[in-house]
Amino acid sequence: MKKFFGDIKECFKMSLKVYGIGFTVGLIIGLIVSLVYRRFDIRLIFQWGIRFGIYVACFGLFIAAISFTKKEHMRPLNYQKRWETYFERFNLAHVVFFISVFCLLYSVILESIIFFL
């Protein structure tokens, strides 16, 4: 059980990085959209960041679903030994799944914060 929670912790760390990148790209897109409409709306900019984070998470869940259903497409990794230094119990599909779920949770939390402000 300790190995499982260790892998979850690594997925959590990686999901912060993945969501941060996606959120930043969404913020840039939101800033461009805000400039096109010639009005600076901070709520619109943050909503674009959250939306792009949701898009990244949904794409990850789609990839995880394919790898869960089509086991013949999953082959051993080229860097299996290095992979096992980070994740002791999870394979690639599990890691992508948990990262995507964490990213969706971040989006829900940020969306509800913006909604109630």
C-alpha atoms as a PDB file:
ATOM      1  CA  MET A   1       0.000   0.000   0.000  1.00  0.00           C
ATOM      2  CA  LYS A   2       2.949   2.304   0.671  1.00  0.00           C
ATOM      3  CA  LYS A   3       4.164   1.869  -2.920  1.00  0.00           C
ATOM      4  CA  PHE A   4       0.704   2.730  -4.217  1.00  0.00           C
ATOM      5  CA  PHE A   5       0.548   6.015  -2.321  1.00  0.00           C
ATOM      6  CA  GLY A   6       4.114   6.800  -3.353  1.00  0.00           C
ATOM      7  CA  ASP A   7       3.080   6.425  -6.989  1.00  0.00           C
ATOM      8  CA  ILE A   8       0.003   8.604  -6.374  1.00  0.00           C
ATOM      9  CA  LYS A   9       2.283  11.263  -4.875  1.00  0.00           C
ATOM     10  CA  GLU A  10       4.511  11.201  -7.966  1.00  0.00           C
ATOM     11  CA  CYS A  11       1.421  11.494 -10.192  1.00  0.00           C
ATOM     12  CA  PHE A  12       0.272  14.467  -8.122  1.00  0.00           C
ATOM     13  CA  LYS A  13       3.615  16.219  -8.595  1.00  0.00           C
ATOM     14  CA  MET A  14       3.585  15.564 -12.321  1.00  0.00           C
ATOM     15  CA  SER A  15      -0.024  16.701 -12.635  1.00  0.00           C
ATOM     16  CA  LEU A  16       0.842  20.067 -11.122  1.00  0.00           C
ATOM     17  CA  LYS A  17       3.439  20.562 -13.841  1.00  0.00           C
ATOM     18  CA  VAL A  18       1.163  19.358 -16.640  1.00  0.00           C
ATOM     19  CA  TYR A  19      -1.739  21.497 -15.471  1.00  0.00           C
ATOM     20  CA  GLY A  20       0.515  24.494 -14.997  1.00  0.00           C
ATOM     21  CA  ILE A  21       1.681  24.280 -18.597  1.00  0.00           C
ATOM     22  CA  GLY A  22      -1.847  23.792 -19.932  1.00  0.00           C
ATOM     23  CA  PHE A  23      -3.236  26.565 -17.758  1.00  0.00           C
ATOM     24  CA  THR A  24      -0.509  28.956 -18.903  1.00  0.00           C
ATOM     25  CA  VAL A  25      -1.211  28.215 -22.570  1.00  0.00           C
ATOM     26  CA  GLY A  26      -4.910  28.784 -21.879  1.00  0.00           C
ATOM     27  CA  LEU A  27      -4.138  32.088 -20.165  1.00  0.00           C
ATOM     28  CA  ILE A  28      -2.190  33.226 -23.224  1.00  0.00           C
ATOM     29  CA  ILE A  29      -5.084  32.237 -25.504  1.00  0.00           C
ATOM     30  CA  GLY A  30      -7.509  34.027 -23.187  1.00  0.00           C
ATOM     31  CA  LEU A  31      -5.343  37.143 -23.256  1.00  0.00           C
ATOM     32  CA  ILE A  32      -5.304  37.084 -27.061  1.00  0.00           C
ATOM     33  CA  VAL A  33      -9.093  36.631 -27.157  1.00  0.00           C
ATOM     34  CA  SER A  34      -9.502  39.459 -24.676  1.00  0.00           C
ATOM     35  CA  LEU A  35      -7.342  41.741 -26.822  1.00  0.00           C
ATOM     36  CA  VAL A  36      -9.278  40.796 -29.963  1.00  0.00           C
ATOM     37  CA  TYR A  37     -12.550  41.831 -28.281  1.00  0.00           C
ATOM     38  CA  ARG A  38     -10.778  45.050 -27.133  1.00  0.00           C
ATOM     39  CA  ARG A  39     -11.729  44.640 -23.503  1.00  0.00           C
ATOM     40  CA  PHE A  40      -9.590  43.278 -20.719  1.00  0.00           C
ATOM     41  CA  ASP A  41     -11.680  40.781 -18.750  1.00  0.00           C
ATOM     42  CA  ILE A  42      -9.722  38.833 -16.143  1.00  0.00           C
ATOM     43  CA  ARG A  43     -12.571  36.354 -15.641  1.00  0.00           C
ATOM     44  CA  LEU A  44     -12.583  35.507 -19.366  1.00  0.00           C
ATOM     45  CA  ILE A  45      -8.819  35.016 -19.323  1.00  0.00           C
ATOM     46  CA  PHE A  46      -8.979  32.629 -16.354  1.00  0.00           C
ATOM     47  CA  GLN A  47     -11.886  30.739 -17.891  1.00  0.00           C
ATOM     48  CA  TRP A  48      -9.767  30.100 -20.982  1.00  0.00           C
ATOM     49  CA  GLY A  49      -6.981  28.805 -18.762  1.00  0.00           C
ATOM     50  CA  ILE A  50      -9.369  26.446 -17.007  1.00  0.00           C
ATOM     51  CA  ARG A  51     -10.906  25.301 -20.295  1.00  0.00           C
ATOM     52  CA  PHE A  52      -7.536  24.485 -21.776  1.00  0.00           C
ATOM     53  CA  GLY A  53      -6.676  22.544 -18.617  1.00  0.00           C
ATOM     54  CA  ILE A  54      -9.892  20.558 -19.089  1.00  0.00           C
ATOM     55  CA  TYR A  55      -8.993  19.882 -22.738  1.00  0.00           C
ATOM     56  CA  VAL A  56      -5.582  18.543 -21.704  1.00  0.00           C
ATOM     57  CA  ALA A  57      -7.165  16.342 -19.015  1.00  0.00           C
ATOM     58  CA  CYS A  58      -9.798  14.975 -21.399  1.00  0.00           C
ATOM     59  CA  PHE A  59      -7.136  14.138 -23.964  1.00  0.00           C
ATOM     60  CA  GLY A  60      -5.190  12.291 -21.269  1.00  0.00           C
ATOM     61  CA  LEU A  61      -8.287  10.370 -20.202  1.00  0.00           C
ATOM     62  CA  PHE A  62      -8.910   9.440 -23.836  1.00  0.00           C
ATOM     63  CA  ILE A  63      -5.357   8.088 -24.171  1.00  0.00           C
ATOM     64  CA  ALA A  64      -5.726   6.189 -20.883  1.00  0.00           C
ATOM     65  CA  ALA A  65      -9.040   4.686 -22.030  1.00  0.00           C
ATOM     66  CA  ILE A  66      -7.480   3.454 -25.260  1.00  0.00           C
ATOM     67  CA  SER A  67      -4.577   1.890 -23.425  1.00  0.00           C
ATOM     68  CA  PHE A  68      -6.893   0.226 -20.883  1.00  0.00           C
ATOM     69  CA  THR A  69      -9.101  -1.330 -23.556  1.00  0.00           C
ATOM     70  CA  LYS A  70      -6.431  -2.260 -26.115  1.00  0.00           C
ATOM     71  CA  LYS A  71      -3.832  -4.150 -24.134  1.00  0.00           C
ATOM     72  CA  GLU A  72      -2.066  -5.325 -27.304  1.00  0.00           C
ATOM     73  CA  HIS A  73      -0.979  -1.737 -28.023  1.00  0.00           C
ATOM     74  CA  MET A  74       0.867  -1.520 -24.714  1.00  0.00           C
ATOM     75  CA  ARG A  75       4.414  -2.738 -25.096  1.00  0.00           C
ATOM     76  CA  PRO A  76       7.291  -2.465 -22.613  1.00  0.00           C
ATOM     77  CA  LEU A  77       8.870   0.958 -22.377  1.00  0.00           C
ATOM     78  CA  ASN A  78      12.317   1.632 -23.807  1.00  0.00           C
ATOM     79  CA  TYR A  79      13.436   3.041 -20.458  1.00  0.00           C
ATOM     80  CA  GLN A  80      11.736   0.557 -18.154  1.00  0.00           C
ATOM     81  CA  LYS A  81      14.459   0.659 -15.474  1.00  0.00           C
ATOM     82  CA  ARG A  82      14.317   4.454 -15.269  1.00  0.00           C
ATOM     83  CA  TRP A  83      10.502   4.293 -15.155  1.00  0.00           C
ATOM     84  CA  GLU A  84      10.663   1.962 -12.174  1.00  0.00           C
ATOM     85  CA  THR A  85      12.743   4.504 -10.224  1.00  0.00           C
ATOM     86  CA  TYR A  86       9.725   6.836 -10.249  1.00  0.00           C
ATOM     87  CA  PHE A  87       6.793   4.414 -10.295  1.00  0.00           C
ATOM     88  CA  GLU A  88       6.990   1.051  -8.580  1.00  0.00           C
ATOM     89  CA  ARG A  89       3.451  -0.212  -9.193  1.00  0.00           C
ATOM     90  CA  PHE A  90       1.918   1.933 -11.949  1.00  0.00           C
ATOM     91  CA  ASN A  91       2.368   1.455 -15.653  1.00  0.00           C
ATOM     92  CA  LEU A  92       2.074   4.249 -18.220  1.00  0.00           C
ATOM     93  CA  ALA A  93      -1.718   3.983 -18.570  1.00  0.00           C
ATOM     94  CA  HIS A  94      -2.257   4.315 -14.819  1.00  0.00           C
ATOM     95  CA  VAL A  95       0.029   7.330 -14.615  1.00  0.00           C
ATOM     96  CA  VAL A  96      -1.722   9.117 -17.490  1.00  0.00           C
ATOM     97  CA  PHE A  97      -5.096   8.316 -15.918  1.00  0.00           C
ATOM     98  CA  PHE A  98      -4.226   9.689 -12.482  1.00  0.00           C
ATOM     99  CA  ILE A  99      -2.535  12.792 -13.889  1.00  0.00           C
ATOM    100  CA  SER A 100      -5.646  13.512 -15.953  1.00  0.00           C
ATOM    101  CA  VAL A 101      -7.971  12.994 -12.995  1.00  0.00           C
ATOM    102  CA  PHE A 102      -5.887  15.374 -10.879  1.00  0.00           C
ATOM    103  CA  CYS A 103      -5.960  17.952 -13.682  1.00  0.00           C
ATOM    104  CA  LEU A 104      -9.745  17.701 -13.829  1.00  0.00           C
ATOM    105  CA  LEU A 105      -9.915  18.203 -10.069  1.00  0.00           C
ATOM    106  CA  TYR A 106      -7.785  21.358 -10.353  1.00  0.00           C
ATOM    107  CA  SER A 107     -10.123  22.647 -13.058  1.00  0.00           C
ATOM    108  CA  VAL A 108     -13.226  21.982 -10.971  1.00  0.00           C
ATOM    109  CA  ILE A 109     -11.696  23.698  -7.954  1.00  0.00           C
ATOM    110  CA  LEU A 110     -10.604  26.757  -9.940  1.00  0.00           C
ATOM    111  CA  GLU A 111     -13.915  26.943 -11.788  1.00  0.00           C
ATOM    112  CA  SER A 112     -15.891  26.910  -8.554  1.00  0.00           C
ATOM    113  CA  ILE A 113     -13.602  29.584  -7.045  1.00  0.00           C
ATOM    114  CA  ILE A 114     -14.168  31.830 -10.058  1.00  0.00           C
ATOM    115  CA  PHE A 115     -17.908  31.098 -10.025  1.00  0.00           C
ATOM    116  CA  PHE A 116     -18.322  32.193  -6.422  1.00  0.00           C
ATOM    117  CA  LEU A 117     -16.210  35.371  -6.744  1.00  0.00           C
END
